[in-house]
Protein backbone atom coordinates (compact mmCIF):
# COMPACT_ATOMS: atom_id res chain seq x y z
CA UNK A 1 130.65 106.34 100.07
CA UNK A 2 128.78 105.87 96.85
CA UNK A 3 127.05 108.79 95.17
CA UNK A 4 124.75 106.43 93.28
CA UNK A 5 121.21 107.74 92.92
CA UNK A 6 118.63 105.11 93.78
CA UNK A 7 114.83 104.75 93.65
CA UNK A 8 112.87 102.95 96.37
CA UNK A 9 109.21 102.03 96.66
CA UNK A 10 108.21 101.89 100.31
CA UNK A 11 105.06 100.36 101.82
CA UNK A 12 104.36 101.34 105.43
CA UNK A 13 101.70 99.60 107.52
CA UNK A 14 100.34 100.21 111.00
CA UNK A 15 98.52 103.26 112.36
CA UNK A 16 99.90 105.47 109.60
CA UNK A 17 96.84 107.22 108.18
CA UNK A 18 95.23 110.19 109.92
CA UNK A 19 98.31 110.82 112.09
CA UNK A 20 100.29 113.20 109.86
CA UNK A 21 102.55 110.49 108.44
CA UNK A 22 102.47 111.75 104.84
CA UNK A 23 103.14 115.38 105.70
CA UNK A 24 105.93 114.56 108.12
CA UNK A 25 107.46 112.12 105.60
CA UNK A 26 107.42 114.92 103.01
CA UNK A 27 109.19 117.27 105.43
CA UNK A 28 111.86 114.70 106.30
CA UNK A 29 112.38 113.80 102.64
CA UNK A 30 112.75 117.46 101.68
CA UNK A 31 115.17 118.00 104.59
CA UNK A 32 117.32 115.18 103.18
CA UNK A 33 117.04 116.52 99.61
CA UNK A 34 115.11 113.53 98.30
CA UNK A 35 112.55 113.63 95.53
CA UNK A 36 109.41 111.54 95.14
CA UNK A 37 105.84 111.14 96.33
CA UNK A 38 103.88 109.90 99.33
CA UNK A 39 100.22 108.88 99.38
CA UNK A 40 97.67 106.86 101.32
CA UNK A 41 96.56 103.50 99.95
CA UNK A 42 92.97 102.28 100.24
CA UNK A 43 94.12 99.31 102.37
CA UNK A 44 95.35 101.61 105.18
CA UNK A 45 99.04 101.62 104.25
CA UNK A 46 101.16 104.57 103.15
CA UNK A 47 103.01 104.31 99.83
CA UNK A 48 106.22 106.23 99.15
CA UNK A 49 108.45 106.54 96.13
CA UNK A 50 111.76 108.21 96.99
CA UNK A 51 114.84 108.97 94.93
CA UNK A 52 118.25 110.11 96.07
CA UNK A 53 121.65 108.97 97.25
CA UNK A 54 121.47 105.53 98.85
CA UNK A 55 123.07 106.71 102.11
CA UNK A 56 120.43 109.43 102.47
CA UNK A 57 117.61 107.08 101.48
CA UNK A 58 118.74 104.71 104.23
CA UNK A 59 118.36 107.54 106.78
CA UNK A 60 114.89 108.34 105.40
CA UNK A 61 113.86 104.67 105.60
CA UNK A 62 115.02 104.64 109.23
CA UNK A 63 112.63 107.51 109.90
CA UNK A 64 109.87 105.63 108.02
CA UNK A 65 110.26 102.75 110.50
CA UNK A 66 109.53 105.17 113.39
CA UNK A 67 107.02 107.54 111.81
CA UNK A 68 105.36 110.53 113.47
CA UNK A 69 104.72 110.82 117.20
CA UNK A 70 101.00 109.91 117.03
CA UNK A 71 101.44 107.01 114.61
CA UNK A 72 102.58 103.44 115.05
CA UNK A 73 104.52 101.59 112.35
CA UNK A 74 104.09 97.81 112.21
CA UNK A 75 106.16 97.13 109.10
CA UNK A 76 108.10 98.79 106.30
CA UNK A 77 108.67 96.97 103.03
CA UNK A 78 111.16 98.47 100.58
CA UNK A 79 111.68 97.57 96.94
CA UNK A 80 114.31 98.99 94.63
CA UNK A 81 112.66 100.46 91.55
CA UNK A 82 113.32 102.28 88.30
CA UNK A 83 114.24 105.95 88.42
CA UNK A 84 111.38 108.30 87.56
CA UNK A 85 113.14 111.64 87.86
CA UNK A 86 110.74 113.28 90.30
CA UNK A 87 111.04 117.02 90.82
CA UNK A 88 110.67 117.73 94.55
CA UNK A 89 108.82 115.60 97.09
CA UNK A 90 105.04 115.86 97.21
CA UNK A 91 101.99 114.47 98.98
CA UNK A 92 99.56 112.93 96.50
CA UNK A 93 95.92 113.08 97.59
């Protein structure tokens, strides 16, 4: 397995605002030891930037496709991005 650290931008659409998606995503990301941010977008999507080992990011993205119990994910778009060196994983209001 590769230990390469990777950065992903993730766009999640569906019923993902007002259902605890951001806070649960933060908890899952912290559990996996990822760093980054999560925030709501004005168009109803959730935006995530996550950094960590690719294998762990893949597990996190799998969770993103399911989301929290009261939400419903229609699509998840991921884009590889430039490392930003986040410290921790935080919800941005």
